Amino acid sequence: MSFHLFTGTDTYLVTPELRDAVNVACALERPLLIRGEPGTGKTVLAEAIAQNLGKQLLTWHIKSTTKAQEGLYVYDTVQRLNDARFGDRDVSDIRQYIKFGPLGLALRSSERVVLLIDEIDKADMEFPNDLLHELDRMTFTVLETGDKVSAQHRPIVVITSNNEKELPDAFLRRCVFHYIEFPSKESMAEIVRVHHPEIEDELLRQVLLRFYWLRELPEVRKRPSTSELIDWIAALKRGGIAPAAIERELPFLGVLLKREHDLDTVLNKRRFGRVS
């Protein structure tokens, strides 16, 4: 099968390793399992792939109560019952009450799409195992009608995980895996300039200095992420904060830190002159 190579987008910069992982998964037609700490761009990777390759994006956000069946389809028995009692529709046609989920829509699509299964480790332990057959064979049967759905084109499946739970070995064997490392200062500077192209060099230097200082504090439980850094810079620019002020203090700290313990920790270090 021929396909276009993923190269990233103007707003999503990729490392050669991540680029290769995406392209290998596409070539092998295997799900791409992405891990990394929050804020490393796992979720938006699927958006970048869809944009770069010109594909439709379907998203399945996983919750603790999510069941694998919901991704395929649900049979709306309540609507059928209401129609039988109060409506004028032909309720004998069960197919009109079959509502396909993101995975079902991806397998039914006449074109290759990108399917994001976001934060798979939020579900219970059986959830990945329940998806094994469908992700492997790319087919399923609607039990209520007997209709068999088989993918004309295997979707590009991107699965994200925050490593909150271990995933089953049988599931992992079917995936191409990549861990997104948190960006270095040099890479982060490139990312910042994508979102804030007019940023002054000195402002960029100061915000990166403070940002990585915060991330390296062992007492900080929730380290600030890339998206929070981007927001912090926007707040500093709107507030007209000069680089010299950032060197003396940390304005708008609540944009970076979201826990009271972390705020108190940093404020105490500032009070005792330990910001460096």
Protein backbone atom coordinates (compact mmCIF):
# COMPACT_ATOMS: atom_id res chain seq x y z
CA MET A 1 0.00 0.00 0.00
CA SER A 2 1.35 3.42 -0.91
CA PHE A 3 0.81 6.30 1.49
CA HIS A 4 2.05 9.78 2.20
CA LEU A 5 4.72 10.09 4.87
CA PHE A 6 3.94 12.01 8.04
CA THR A 7 6.26 14.97 8.49
CA GLY A 8 4.54 17.06 11.18
CA THR A 9 2.77 20.37 10.68
CA ASP A 10 3.55 24.05 11.02
CA THR A 11 2.21 23.99 14.58
CA TYR A 12 3.24 20.46 15.61
CA LEU A 13 7.00 19.89 15.53
CA VAL A 14 8.10 16.26 15.60
CA THR A 15 11.37 14.58 16.41
CA PRO A 16 12.78 12.15 13.82
CA GLU A 17 12.00 9.29 16.22
CA LEU A 18 8.32 10.23 16.57
CA ARG A 19 8.01 10.85 12.83
CA ASP A 20 9.44 7.39 12.11
CA ALA A 21 7.14 5.73 14.68
CA VAL A 22 4.07 7.24 13.01
CA ASN A 23 5.17 6.19 9.54
CA VAL A 24 6.07 2.66 10.65
CA ALA A 25 2.65 2.26 12.29
CA CYS A 26 0.97 3.48 9.10
CA ALA A 27 3.02 1.12 6.94
CA LEU A 28 2.44 -1.91 9.17
CA GLU A 29 -1.22 -0.92 9.72
CA ARG A 30 -0.74 -1.33 13.45
CA PRO A 31 -2.09 0.89 16.25
CA LEU A 32 0.41 3.48 17.48
CA LEU A 33 0.60 3.52 21.28
CA ILE A 34 1.91 6.84 22.60
CA ARG A 35 3.04 7.41 26.17
CA GLY A 36 4.53 10.45 27.87
CA GLU A 37 3.81 12.77 30.74
CA PRO A 38 0.82 15.14 30.42
CA GLY A 39 1.50 18.09 28.16
CA THR A 40 3.90 16.40 25.74
CA GLY A 41 1.47 16.53 22.83
CA LYS A 42 0.10 12.98 22.81
CA THR A 43 -3.50 13.88 22.05
CA VAL A 44 -2.77 16.59 19.49
CA LEU A 45 -0.48 14.17 17.63
CA ALA A 46 -3.57 12.52 16.13
CA GLU A 47 -4.83 15.93 15.01
CA ALA A 48 -1.45 16.65 13.40
CA ILE A 49 -1.46 13.29 11.59
CA ALA A 50 -4.97 13.91 10.24
CA GLN A 51 -4.04 17.43 9.11
CA ASN A 52 -0.72 16.43 7.55
CA LEU A 53 -2.11 13.40 5.71
CA GLY A 54 -5.44 15.01 4.79
CA LYS A 55 -7.56 12.47 6.70
CA GLN A 56 -10.73 12.77 8.76
CA LEU A 57 -10.16 12.53 12.52
CA LEU A 58 -12.48 10.49 14.75
CA THR A 59 -11.94 10.80 18.51
CA TRP A 60 -12.87 8.40 21.30
CA HIS A 61 -12.18 9.92 24.73
CA ILE A 62 -11.96 7.11 27.29
CA LYS A 63 -13.42 7.42 30.78
CA SER A 64 -13.37 5.10 33.77
CA THR A 65 -16.87 3.86 32.85
CA THR A 66 -16.20 3.39 29.10
CA LYS A 67 -16.90 -0.06 27.65
CA ALA A 68 -15.37 -1.37 24.44
CA GLN A 69 -18.81 -2.05 22.97
CA GLU A 70 -19.60 1.69 23.02
CA GLY A 71 -16.80 2.32 20.55
CA LEU A 72 -18.39 -0.05 18.06
CA TYR A 73 -22.10 0.71 18.39
CA VAL A 74 -25.00 0.95 20.83
CA TYR A 75 -28.55 -0.25 20.30
CA ASP A 76 -30.93 2.55 21.34
CA THR A 77 -33.70 0.46 22.88
CA VAL A 78 -35.15 3.43 24.75
CA GLN A 79 -35.74 5.40 21.54
CA ARG A 80 -37.28 2.36 19.89
CA LEU A 81 -39.63 1.87 22.83
CA ASN A 82 -40.66 5.53 22.77
CA ASP A 83 -41.29 5.37 19.02
CA ALA A 84 -43.39 2.25 19.47
CA ARG A 85 -45.54 3.95 22.08
CA PHE A 86 -45.77 7.51 20.84
CA GLY A 87 -44.26 7.80 17.35
CA ASP A 88 -45.23 6.95 13.84
CA ARG A 89 -41.96 5.35 12.72
CA ASP A 90 -41.60 1.77 11.58
CA VAL A 91 -39.95 0.28 14.65
CA SER A 92 -39.47 -3.09 12.91
CA ASP A 93 -36.41 -1.60 11.16
CA ILE A 94 -33.87 -2.14 13.92
CA ARG A 95 -31.03 -0.64 11.88
CA GLN A 96 -32.31 2.89 12.46
CA TYR A 97 -31.69 2.39 16.19
CA ILE A 98 -28.07 1.30 15.80
CA LYS A 99 -25.78 4.22 16.71
CA PHE A 100 -22.17 3.63 15.69
CA GLY A 101 -19.33 4.77 17.94
CA PRO A 102 -15.93 6.16 16.85
CA LEU A 103 -14.36 2.75 16.19
CA GLY A 104 -17.46 1.54 14.36
CA LEU A 105 -17.50 4.68 12.20
CA ALA A 106 -13.79 4.26 11.42
CA LEU A 107 -14.33 0.67 10.26
CA ARG A 108 -17.39 1.63 8.19
CA SER A 109 -15.69 4.57 6.49
CA SER A 110 -15.18 4.35 2.73
CA GLU A 111 -11.87 6.20 3.16
CA ARG A 112 -8.93 5.75 5.50
CA VAL A 113 -9.39 7.86 8.62
CA VAL A 114 -7.40 8.65 11.75
CA LEU A 115 -8.89 7.24 14.95
CA LEU A 116 -7.73 8.61 18.32
CA ILE A 117 -8.36 6.40 21.36
CA ASP A 118 -7.44 8.89 24.05
CA GLU A 119 -6.18 7.88 27.52
CA ILE A 120 -6.90 4.18 27.24
CA ASP A 121 -5.53 3.51 30.72
CA LYS A 122 -8.48 5.35 32.31
CA ALA A 123 -10.74 2.37 31.57
CA ASP A 124 -10.79 -0.90 33.52
CA MET A 125 -8.21 -3.61 32.95
CA GLU A 126 -10.40 -5.63 30.60
CA PHE A 127 -11.00 -2.76 28.19
CA PRO A 128 -7.83 -3.24 26.06
CA ASN A 129 -8.45 -7.00 25.85
CA ASP A 130 -12.01 -6.36 24.71
CA LEU A 131 -10.65 -4.40 21.75
CA LEU A 132 -8.11 -7.00 20.63
CA HIS A 133 -10.26 -8.74 18.00
CA GLU A 134 -11.60 -5.57 16.42
CA LEU A 135 -8.21 -3.84 16.29
CA ASP A 136 -6.56 -6.98 14.94
CA ARG A 137 -9.16 -8.10 12.38
CA MET A 138 -10.79 -4.70 11.77
CA THR A 139 -14.22 -6.30 11.64
CA PHE A 140 -17.24 -6.75 13.90
CA THR A 141 -20.85 -7.95 13.74
CA VAL A 142 -23.95 -6.02 14.79
CA LEU A 143 -25.63 -8.73 16.82
CA GLU A 144 -29.13 -7.22 16.63
CA THR A 145 -29.18 -7.26 12.83
CA GLY A 146 -26.52 -9.82 11.89
CA ASP A 147 -24.76 -7.19 9.75
CA LYS A 148 -21.01 -7.71 9.47
CA VAL A 149 -18.85 -4.60 9.25
CA SER A 150 -15.37 -4.97 7.76
CA ALA A 151 -12.99 -2.10 7.12
CA GLN A 152 -12.36 -1.26 3.47
CA HIS A 153 -9.30 0.71 4.63
CA ARG A 154 -7.65 0.03 7.99
CA PRO A 155 -7.76 3.28 9.99
CA ILE A 156 -4.65 4.94 11.36
CA VAL A 157 -5.16 4.24 15.07
CA VAL A 158 -3.42 6.43 17.66
CA ILE A 159 -3.77 5.31 21.28
CA THR A 160 -2.57 7.52 24.12
CA SER A 161 -1.69 6.45 27.65
CA ASN A 162 -0.51 8.33 30.73
CA ASN A 163 0.90 5.08 32.13
CA GLU A 164 -1.61 5.09 35.00
CA LYS A 165 -2.15 1.34 34.52
CA GLU A 166 -0.16 -1.46 32.92
CA LEU A 167 -1.64 -2.60 29.62
CA PRO A 168 -1.93 -6.32 28.82
CA ASP A 169 0.97 -7.96 26.97
CA ALA A 170 -1.35 -9.30 24.26
CA PHE A 171 -2.51 -5.75 23.57
CA LEU A 172 1.03 -4.33 23.57
CA ARG A 173 2.20 -6.95 21.07
CA ARG A 174 -0.23 -5.55 18.51
CA CYS A 175 1.00 -1.97 18.81
CA VAL A 176 3.91 0.15 17.63
CA PHE A 177 5.12 1.96 20.75
CA HIS A 178 6.70 5.38 21.22
CA TYR A 179 7.46 7.37 24.37
CA ILE A 180 7.46 11.15 23.90
CA GLU A 181 10.25 12.65 25.96
CA PHE A 182 9.65 16.06 27.50
CA PRO A 183 11.27 18.68 25.22
CA SER A 184 14.73 20.00 26.00
CA LYS A 185 15.23 23.75 26.39
CA GLU A 186 16.36 24.00 22.79
CA SER A 187 13.35 22.09 21.46
CA MET A 188 11.01 24.02 23.74
CA ALA A 189 12.34 27.29 22.37
CA GLU A 190 11.35 26.14 18.87
CA ILE A 191 7.89 25.13 20.10
CA VAL A 192 7.39 28.48 21.83
CA ARG A 193 8.34 30.39 18.69
CA VAL A 194 5.69 28.47 16.74
CA HIS A 195 3.02 29.77 19.12
CA HIS A 196 4.62 33.14 19.89
CA PRO A 197 6.65 34.03 16.78
CA GLU A 198 7.24 37.64 17.89
CA ILE A 199 8.60 36.81 21.35
CA GLU A 200 11.73 38.74 22.34
CA ASP A 201 14.89 36.73 22.86
CA GLU A 202 15.38 37.94 26.43
CA LEU A 203 11.78 37.19 27.39
CA LEU A 204 12.13 33.70 25.93
CA ARG A 205 15.37 33.16 27.83
CA GLN A 206 13.86 34.22 31.14
CA VAL A 207 10.62 32.21 30.83
CA LEU A 208 12.51 29.05 29.89
CA LEU A 209 14.92 29.57 32.79
CA ARG A 210 12.06 29.88 35.29
CA PHE A 211 9.95 27.15 33.66
CA TYR A 212 12.66 24.49 33.85
CA TRP A 213 13.63 25.63 37.35
CA LEU A 214 10.05 24.92 38.44
CA ARG A 215 10.01 21.52 36.72
CA GLU A 216 13.24 20.50 38.44
CA LEU A 217 12.01 21.28 41.96
CA PRO A 218 11.56 17.87 43.64
CA GLU A 219 8.83 19.27 45.93
CA VAL A 220 6.55 20.22 43.01
CA ARG A 221 4.05 17.41 42.56
CA LYS A 222 2.44 18.51 39.29
CA ARG A 223 5.12 19.89 37.06
CA PRO A 224 4.02 22.52 34.51
CA SER A 225 3.56 21.30 30.95
CA THR A 226 4.16 22.76 27.50
CA SER A 227 0.61 24.05 27.14
CA GLU A 228 0.88 25.84 30.49
CA LEU A 229 4.13 27.46 29.41
CA ILE A 230 2.46 28.73 26.22
CA ASP A 231 -0.40 30.15 28.29
CA TRP A 232 2.02 31.73 30.78
CA ILE A 233 3.86 33.54 28.01
CA ALA A 234 0.54 34.82 26.64
CA ALA A 235 -0.36 36.11 30.12
CA LEU A 236 3.03 37.81 30.51
CA LYS A 237 2.73 39.50 27.11
CA ARG A 238 -0.81 40.70 27.79
CA GLY A 239 0.23 41.96 31.20
CA GLY A 240 3.18 43.86 29.73
CA ILE A 241 5.62 42.09 32.04
CA ALA A 242 9.23 42.90 31.23
CA PRO A 243 11.95 40.20 31.27
CA ALA A 244 13.62 41.93 34.22
CA ALA A 245 10.47 41.44 36.29
CA ILE A 246 10.47 37.71 35.58
CA GLU A 247 14.07 37.58 36.74
CA ARG A 248 13.07 39.12 40.10
CA GLU A 249 9.77 37.29 40.63
CA LEU A 250 7.28 34.88 39.04
CA PRO A 251 4.18 36.78 37.86
CA PHE A 252 0.93 34.92 37.21
CA LEU A 253 2.26 31.76 38.88
CA GLY A 254 -1.22 30.25 38.95
CA VAL A 255 -1.04 29.77 35.18
CA LEU A 256 1.86 27.33 35.67
CA LEU A 257 1.06 25.64 38.97
CA LYS A 258 -2.38 24.25 39.77
CA ARG A 259 -1.98 22.81 43.27
CA GLU A 260 -1.89 24.73 46.53
CA HIS A 261 1.08 22.71 47.82
CA ASP A 262 3.13 23.54 44.73
CA LEU A 263 2.25 27.23 44.92
CA ASP A 264 3.21 27.39 48.61
CA THR A 265 6.49 25.58 47.90
CA VAL A 266 7.53 28.02 45.21
CA LEU A 267 6.35 31.10 47.09
CA ASN A 268 8.39 30.05 50.12
CA LYS A 269 11.50 29.62 47.99
CA ARG A 270 10.96 33.07 46.51
CA ARG A 271 10.46 34.56 49.96
CA PHE A 272 13.80 33.18 51.08
CA GLY A 273 15.57 34.25 47.93
CA ARG A 274 16.13 30.82 46.44
CA VAL A 275 14.89 31.49 42.92
CA SER A 276 17.87 31.04 40.63
